[in-house]
Every structure is written in C-alpha cells, then in structure tokens.
Amino acid sequence: MDFWTKFKFKLTKRERDYVSAGVALVALFIIFQFVLSPFLAAKEKTKRSIQAKEKTLKELVSLSSEYGALKEDSVDIKKALALRPGDFTLFSFLEKQAGQSKVKPNIKYMKPSTSTDKGPYSESSVEMNLENITLKQLVEYLHLVESPENLVRIKRISVKQSKGNPEYLTALIHLVTYLRD
C-alpha cells in the first residue's frame, strides 16, 4: 500500500509526480533555509572572526616587542638621569657648552621652558638663537650639546645665512631634556 492510496488521494500518475516534486522542492528549500544557510553563515562569521583575532594577535605581538624596547629605553634613561648631577639644568649646560665652543658671545637669546606634563618626568627645553657664527662653530657646538649621556637632544633647528655677511650663519635651535620631578 502506498502513500497515495492510504489517504485516498485520487490523482493521476502525472499529478502525483508533480506533487511529489513540489513536496521535494519545499523540503529542499526548508533544509537549505533552516539548516544549510545558517551553517554556512556561521562558518563565514567564524572565518572572519578568526581573521580579525589573528590580526589583533599580530598587533599585540608587535606592541609587546615595542613595549619591551621602550621598557629597556626607560631603564637606560633612568640610569642616565641617576648618573647626571643633581643640580643639572639644561640652561646652564647649554651656556657652559657655548663657552667651551666659543660661541657664547654669539648668543642673541636663550628662552627656557618646562612642560607641565604629569608623570615622573618633565620635559625641559631651551630655544636659543645664535647669530654670526661659522658653520664650523655651529657643528662644534651642536656636537657638544647633543649629549646622550645627559639626555640632551635637538628637537628642531633652523639655519640660514646672515644678512650682513653670507659666510656667517644664524641658527635657531630648540633643545630638550628630561628632568625627574
């Protein structure tokens, strides 16, 4: 006894084939819509999530190595600050180096300033203008002041020829260092 005769459907063979095909299509649609489609969507979502997590992991590894390098630099800075004299000031250091390199008479002005950043260190800076100096004097002075052991570095420099005499230079130099608060 088959399905059609059990429920007393009076359909021709052709009609039964159409109904069977329709039921099969509806069943396939339901399987696709409620089983296969969510599975494929979840698989794609998982794939995107894995890619995003891998990218985040690579960034974390990169940041970790950068952090390690910065931590080592921090230790070096702490050591340099500990070795520096307790009464060290950038202004007096630059003035002393200017006297040593014989450019002190060429200093037009020196403007000291200190940052108001919060933390264990503050940035001390001096902007200075040197007029009528030779290139040799400037290079010698810069060599003396840019001092890794005293944590002094040049932040910005502008050099141009003097207006009166083209063999002399005018230099505007912004130097910085860090001080322990």
C-alpha atoms as a PDB file:
ATOM      1  CA  MET A   1       0.000   0.000   0.000  1.00  0.00           C
ATOM      2  CA  ASP A   2       1.493   3.287  -0.967  1.00  0.00           C
ATOM      3  CA  PHE A   3       1.049   6.802   0.404  1.00  0.00           C
ATOM      4  CA  TRP A   4      -1.497   7.916  -2.195  1.00  0.00           C
ATOM      5  CA  THR A   5      -3.903   5.065  -1.761  1.00  0.00           C
ATOM      6  CA  LYS A   6      -3.638   5.114   2.025  1.00  0.00           C
ATOM      7  CA  PHE A   7      -5.005   8.670   2.194  1.00  0.00           C
ATOM      8  CA  LYS A   8      -7.347   8.089  -0.715  1.00  0.00           C
ATOM      9  CA  PHE A   9      -5.966  10.751  -2.993  1.00  0.00           C
ATOM     10  CA  LYS A  10      -7.379  10.286  -6.398  1.00  0.00           C
ATOM     11  CA  LEU A  11      -4.560  11.643  -8.522  1.00  0.00           C
ATOM     12  CA  THR A  12      -3.201  10.508 -11.791  1.00  0.00           C
ATOM     13  CA  LYS A  13       0.362   9.325 -12.035  1.00  0.00           C
ATOM     14  CA  ARG A  14       1.389  12.606 -13.612  1.00  0.00           C
ATOM     15  CA  GLU A  15      -0.279  14.681 -10.859  1.00  0.00           C
ATOM     16  CA  ARG A  16       1.349  12.521  -8.198  1.00  0.00           C
ATOM     17  CA  ASP A  17       4.744  13.130  -9.806  1.00  0.00           C
ATOM     18  CA  TYR A  18       4.109  16.926  -9.755  1.00  0.00           C
ATOM     19  CA  VAL A  19       3.001  16.885  -6.127  1.00  0.00           C
ATOM     20  CA  SER A  20       5.984  14.711  -5.168  1.00  0.00           C
ATOM     21  CA  ALA A  21       8.358  17.084  -6.968  1.00  0.00           C
ATOM     22  CA  GLY A  22       6.718  20.099  -5.231  1.00  0.00           C
ATOM     23  CA  VAL A  23       6.988  18.447  -1.812  1.00  0.00           C
ATOM     24  CA  ALA A  24      10.617  17.574  -2.549  1.00  0.00           C
ATOM     25  CA  LEU A  25      11.337  21.195  -3.567  1.00  0.00           C
ATOM     26  CA  VAL A  26       9.654  22.550  -0.417  1.00  0.00           C
ATOM     27  CA  ALA A  27      11.623  20.049   1.678  1.00  0.00           C
ATOM     28  CA  LEU A  28      14.874  21.085  -0.036  1.00  0.00           C
ATOM     29  CA  PHE A  29      14.029  24.781   0.493  1.00  0.00           C
ATOM     30  CA  ILE A  30      13.300  24.185   4.181  1.00  0.00           C
ATOM     31  CA  ILE A  31      16.518  22.213   4.609  1.00  0.00           C
ATOM     32  CA  PHE A  32      18.512  24.936   2.833  1.00  0.00           C
ATOM     33  CA  GLN A  33      16.800  27.823   4.647  1.00  0.00           C
ATOM     34  CA  PHE A  34      16.869  26.422   8.166  1.00  0.00           C
ATOM     35  CA  VAL A  35      19.860  24.065   8.173  1.00  0.00           C
ATOM     36  CA  LEU A  36      22.376  24.692   5.414  1.00  0.00           C
ATOM     37  CA  SER A  37      22.154  28.500   5.165  1.00  0.00           C
ATOM     38  CA  PRO A  38      22.645  29.154   8.915  1.00  0.00           C
ATOM     39  CA  PHE A  39      25.508  26.662   8.933  1.00  0.00           C
ATOM     40  CA  LEU A  40      27.258  28.422   6.028  1.00  0.00           C
ATOM     41  CA  ALA A  41      26.635  31.854   7.591  1.00  0.00           C
ATOM     42  CA  ALA A  42      28.061  30.683  10.922  1.00  0.00           C
ATOM     43  CA  LYS A  43      31.069  29.202   9.139  1.00  0.00           C
ATOM     44  CA  GLU A  44      31.731  32.503   7.313  1.00  0.00           C
ATOM     45  CA  LYS A  45      31.270  34.502  10.520  1.00  0.00           C
ATOM     46  CA  THR A  46      33.719  32.209  12.321  1.00  0.00           C
ATOM     47  CA  LYS A  47      36.220  32.600   9.479  1.00  0.00           C
ATOM     48  CA  ARG A  48      36.001  36.424   9.657  1.00  0.00           C
ATOM     49  CA  SER A  49      36.290  36.293  13.436  1.00  0.00           C
ATOM     50  CA  ILE A  50      39.421  34.139  13.220  1.00  0.00           C
ATOM     51  CA  GLN A  51      40.973  36.551  10.714  1.00  0.00           C
ATOM     52  CA  ALA A  52      40.187  39.512  12.984  1.00  0.00           C
ATOM     53  CA  LYS A  53      41.625  37.706  16.013  1.00  0.00           C
ATOM     54  CA  GLU A  54      44.785  36.793  14.067  1.00  0.00           C
ATOM     55  CA  LYS A  55      45.207  40.446  13.075  1.00  0.00           C
ATOM     56  CA  THR A  56      44.703  41.511  16.702  1.00  0.00           C
ATOM     57  CA  LEU A  57      47.225  38.896  17.838  1.00  0.00           C
ATOM     58  CA  LYS A  58      49.818  40.188  15.356  1.00  0.00           C
ATOM     59  CA  GLU A  59      49.242  43.741  16.621  1.00  0.00           C
ATOM     60  CA  LEU A  60      49.612  42.546  20.219  1.00  0.00           C
ATOM     61  CA  VAL A  61      52.880  40.777  19.422  1.00  0.00           C
ATOM     62  CA  SER A  62      54.155  43.915  17.690  1.00  0.00           C
ATOM     63  CA  LEU A  63      53.056  46.127  20.581  1.00  0.00           C
ATOM     64  CA  SER A  64      54.612  43.709  23.050  1.00  0.00           C
ATOM     65  CA  SER A  65      58.005  43.908  21.364  1.00  0.00           C
ATOM     66  CA  GLU A  66      57.686  47.699  21.123  1.00  0.00           C
ATOM     67  CA  TYR A  67      56.788  47.834  24.814  1.00  0.00           C
ATOM     68  CA  GLY A  68      59.826  45.713  25.672  1.00  0.00           C
ATOM     69  CA  ALA A  69      62.097  48.055  23.716  1.00  0.00           C
ATOM     70  CA  LEU A  70      60.544  51.101  25.384  1.00  0.00           C
ATOM     71  CA  LYS A  71      60.943  49.490  28.787  1.00  0.00           C
ATOM     72  CA  GLU A  72      64.641  48.899  28.078  1.00  0.00           C
ATOM     73  CA  ASP A  73      64.968  52.524  26.934  1.00  0.00           C
ATOM     74  CA  SER A  74      63.230  53.619  30.118  1.00  0.00           C
ATOM     75  CA  VAL A  75      65.793  51.733  32.191  1.00  0.00           C
ATOM     76  CA  ASP A  76      68.595  53.390  30.198  1.00  0.00           C
ATOM     77  CA  ILE A  77      67.007  56.813  30.744  1.00  0.00           C
ATOM     78  CA  LYS A  78      66.679  56.168  34.479  1.00  0.00           C
ATOM     79  CA  LYS A  79      70.359  55.185  34.613  1.00  0.00           C
ATOM     80  CA  ALA A  80      71.393  58.302  32.670  1.00  0.00           C
ATOM     81  CA  LEU A  81      69.290  60.505  34.946  1.00  0.00           C
ATOM     82  CA  ALA A  82      70.832  58.873  38.011  1.00  0.00           C
ATOM     83  CA  LEU A  83      74.361  59.495  36.688  1.00  0.00           C
ATOM     84  CA  ARG A  84      73.633  63.126  35.832  1.00  0.00           C
ATOM     85  CA  PRO A  85      74.491  65.688  38.560  1.00  0.00           C
ATOM     86  CA  GLY A  86      71.553  66.514  40.840  1.00  0.00           C
ATOM     87  CA  ASP A  87      71.821  70.256  40.116  1.00  0.00           C
ATOM     88  CA  PHE A  88      71.753  69.759  36.322  1.00  0.00           C
ATOM     89  CA  THR A  89      69.775  72.337  34.351  1.00  0.00           C
ATOM     90  CA  LEU A  90      69.564  72.486  30.588  1.00  0.00           C
ATOM     91  CA  PHE A  91      70.080  76.250  30.521  1.00  0.00           C
ATOM     92  CA  SER A  92      73.378  76.120  32.449  1.00  0.00           C
ATOM     93  CA  PHE A  93      74.538  73.068  30.481  1.00  0.00           C
ATOM     94  CA  LEU A  94      73.988  74.878  27.162  1.00  0.00           C
ATOM     95  CA  GLU A  95      75.638  78.031  28.465  1.00  0.00           C
ATOM     96  CA  LYS A  96      78.693  76.050  29.623  1.00  0.00           C
ATOM     97  CA  GLN A  97      78.975  74.296  26.251  1.00  0.00           C
ATOM     98  CA  ALA A  98      78.645  77.664  24.465  1.00  0.00           C
ATOM     99  CA  GLY A  99      81.596  78.973  26.480  1.00  0.00           C
ATOM    100  CA  GLN A 100      83.607  75.842  25.720  1.00  0.00           C
ATOM    101  CA  SER A 101      82.958  76.104  21.973  1.00  0.00           C
ATOM    102  CA  LYS A 102      83.486  79.906  21.994  1.00  0.00           C
ATOM    103  CA  VAL A 103      80.006  80.797  20.675  1.00  0.00           C
ATOM    104  CA  LYS A 104      78.823  82.435  23.911  1.00  0.00           C
ATOM    105  CA  PRO A 105      79.267  85.997  22.519  1.00  0.00           C
ATOM    106  CA  ASN A 106      77.099  84.970  19.534  1.00  0.00           C
ATOM    107  CA  ILE A 107      74.069  84.044  21.640  1.00  0.00           C
ATOM    108  CA  LYS A 108      71.295  86.525  20.910  1.00  0.00           C
ATOM    109  CA  TYR A 109      68.850  84.938  23.361  1.00  0.00           C
ATOM    110  CA  MET A 110      68.035  81.767  25.288  1.00  0.00           C
ATOM    111  CA  LYS A 111      64.405  81.048  26.294  1.00  0.00           C
ATOM    112  CA  PRO A 112      63.975  78.237  28.821  1.00  0.00           C
ATOM    113  CA  SER A 113      60.644  76.471  29.372  1.00  0.00           C
ATOM    114  CA  THR A 114      59.343  73.401  31.172  1.00  0.00           C
ATOM    115  CA  SER A 115      56.403  71.218  30.187  1.00  0.00           C
ATOM    116  CA  THR A 116      53.513  70.689  32.565  1.00  0.00           C
ATOM    117  CA  ASP A 117      53.038  67.012  31.718  1.00  0.00           C
ATOM    118  CA  LYS A 118      52.029  64.760  34.570  1.00  0.00           C
ATOM    119  CA  GLY A 119      54.243  61.836  35.367  1.00  0.00           C
ATOM    120  CA  PRO A 120      57.599  61.073  36.908  1.00  0.00           C
ATOM    121  CA  TYR A 121      59.486  63.194  34.352  1.00  0.00           C
ATOM    122  CA  SER A 122      59.084  66.663  32.897  1.00  0.00           C
ATOM    123  CA  GLU A 123      60.490  67.975  29.653  1.00  0.00           C
ATOM    124  CA  SER A 124      62.788  70.970  29.968  1.00  0.00           C
ATOM    125  CA  SER A 125      63.529  72.895  26.795  1.00  0.00           C
ATOM    126  CA  VAL A 126      65.554  75.901  25.715  1.00  0.00           C
ATOM    127  CA  GLU A 127      65.166  77.814  22.490  1.00  0.00           C
ATOM    128  CA  MET A 128      68.307  79.679  21.570  1.00  0.00           C
ATOM    129  CA  ASN A 129      69.307  81.982  18.768  1.00  0.00           C
ATOM    130  CA  LEU A 130      72.933  82.120  17.646  1.00  0.00           C
ATOM    131  CA  GLU A 131      73.974  84.900  15.268  1.00  0.00           C
ATOM    132  CA  ASN A 132      77.059  85.465  13.123  1.00  0.00           C
ATOM    133  CA  ILE A 133      78.647  82.062  13.646  1.00  0.00           C
ATOM    134  CA  THR A 134      80.581  79.969  11.183  1.00  0.00           C
ATOM    135  CA  LEU A 135      79.493  76.532  10.094  1.00  0.00           C
ATOM    136  CA  LYS A 136      82.479  75.053  11.944  1.00  0.00           C
ATOM    137  CA  GLN A 137      81.454  76.791  15.193  1.00  0.00           C
ATOM    138  CA  LEU A 138      77.861  75.604  14.799  1.00  0.00           C
ATOM    139  CA  VAL A 139      78.869  71.997  14.156  1.00  0.00           C
ATOM    140  CA  GLU A 140      81.270  72.023  17.116  1.00  0.00           C
ATOM    141  CA  TYR A 141      78.598  73.477  19.399  1.00  0.00           C
ATOM    142  CA  LEU A 142      75.951  71.000  18.240  1.00  0.00           C
ATOM    143  CA  HIS A 143      78.394  68.144  18.789  1.00  0.00           C
ATOM    144  CA  LEU A 144      78.958  69.309  22.367  1.00  0.00           C
ATOM    145  CA  VAL A 145      75.311  69.892  23.277  1.00  0.00           C
ATOM    146  CA  GLU A 146      73.671  66.844  21.756  1.00  0.00           C
ATOM    147  CA  SER A 147      74.642  64.624  24.617  1.00  0.00           C
ATOM    148  CA  PRO A 148      73.164  61.141  25.067  1.00  0.00           C
ATOM    149  CA  GLU A 149      74.766  60.799  28.491  1.00  0.00           C
ATOM    150  CA  ASN A 150      72.976  63.960  29.653  1.00  0.00           C
ATOM    151  CA  LEU A 151      69.810  63.119  27.688  1.00  0.00           C
ATOM    152  CA  VAL A 152      70.008  66.355  25.696  1.00  0.00           C
ATOM    153  CA  ARG A 153      68.763  66.275  22.136  1.00  0.00           C
ATOM    154  CA  ILE A 154      67.973  68.739  19.384  1.00  0.00           C
ATOM    155  CA  LYS A 155      64.253  68.889  18.785  1.00  0.00           C
ATOM    156  CA  ARG A 156      64.280  71.466  15.995  1.00  0.00           C
ATOM    157  CA  ILE A 157      66.908  73.534  14.215  1.00  0.00           C
ATOM    158  CA  SER A 158      66.716  76.272  11.614  1.00  0.00           C
ATOM    159  CA  VAL A 159      69.880  77.599   9.962  1.00  0.00           C
ATOM    160  CA  LYS A 160      70.147  80.437   7.463  1.00  0.00           C
ATOM    161  CA  GLN A 161      72.817  82.757   6.132  1.00  0.00           C
ATOM    162  CA  SER A 162      73.324  86.028   7.968  1.00  0.00           C
ATOM    163  CA  LYS A 163      72.002  89.026   6.090  1.00  0.00           C
ATOM    164  CA  GLY A 164      75.120  91.173   6.570  1.00  0.00           C
ATOM    165  CA  ASN A 165      77.794  88.607   5.775  1.00  0.00           C
ATOM    166  CA  PRO A 166      76.973  85.438   3.778  1.00  0.00           C
ATOM    167  CA  GLU A 167      79.877  83.438   5.289  1.00  0.00           C
ATOM    168  CA  TYR A 168      78.216  83.622   8.704  1.00  0.00           C
ATOM    169  CA  LEU A 169      75.067  81.829   9.827  1.00  0.00           C
ATOM    170  CA  THR A 170      72.120  82.482  12.086  1.00  0.00           C
ATOM    171  CA  ALA A 171      70.803  79.395  13.868  1.00  0.00           C
ATOM    172  CA  LEU A 172      67.617  78.927  15.859  1.00  0.00           C
ATOM    173  CA  ILE A 173      67.921  75.757  17.939  1.00  0.00           C
ATOM    174  CA  HIS A 174      65.327  74.115  20.180  1.00  0.00           C
ATOM    175  CA  LEU A 175      66.937  71.657  22.607  1.00  0.00           C
ATOM    176  CA  VAL A 176      65.195  69.384  25.117  1.00  0.00           C
ATOM    177  CA  THR A 177      65.992  67.101  28.010  1.00  0.00           C
ATOM    178  CA  TYR A 178      64.049  65.281  30.697  1.00  0.00           C
ATOM    179  CA  LEU A 179      64.145  66.028  34.395  1.00  0.00           C
ATOM    180  CA  ARG A 180      62.987  63.863  37.260  1.00  0.00           C
ATOM    181  CA  ASP A 181      60.152  65.548  39.145  1.00  0.00           C
END
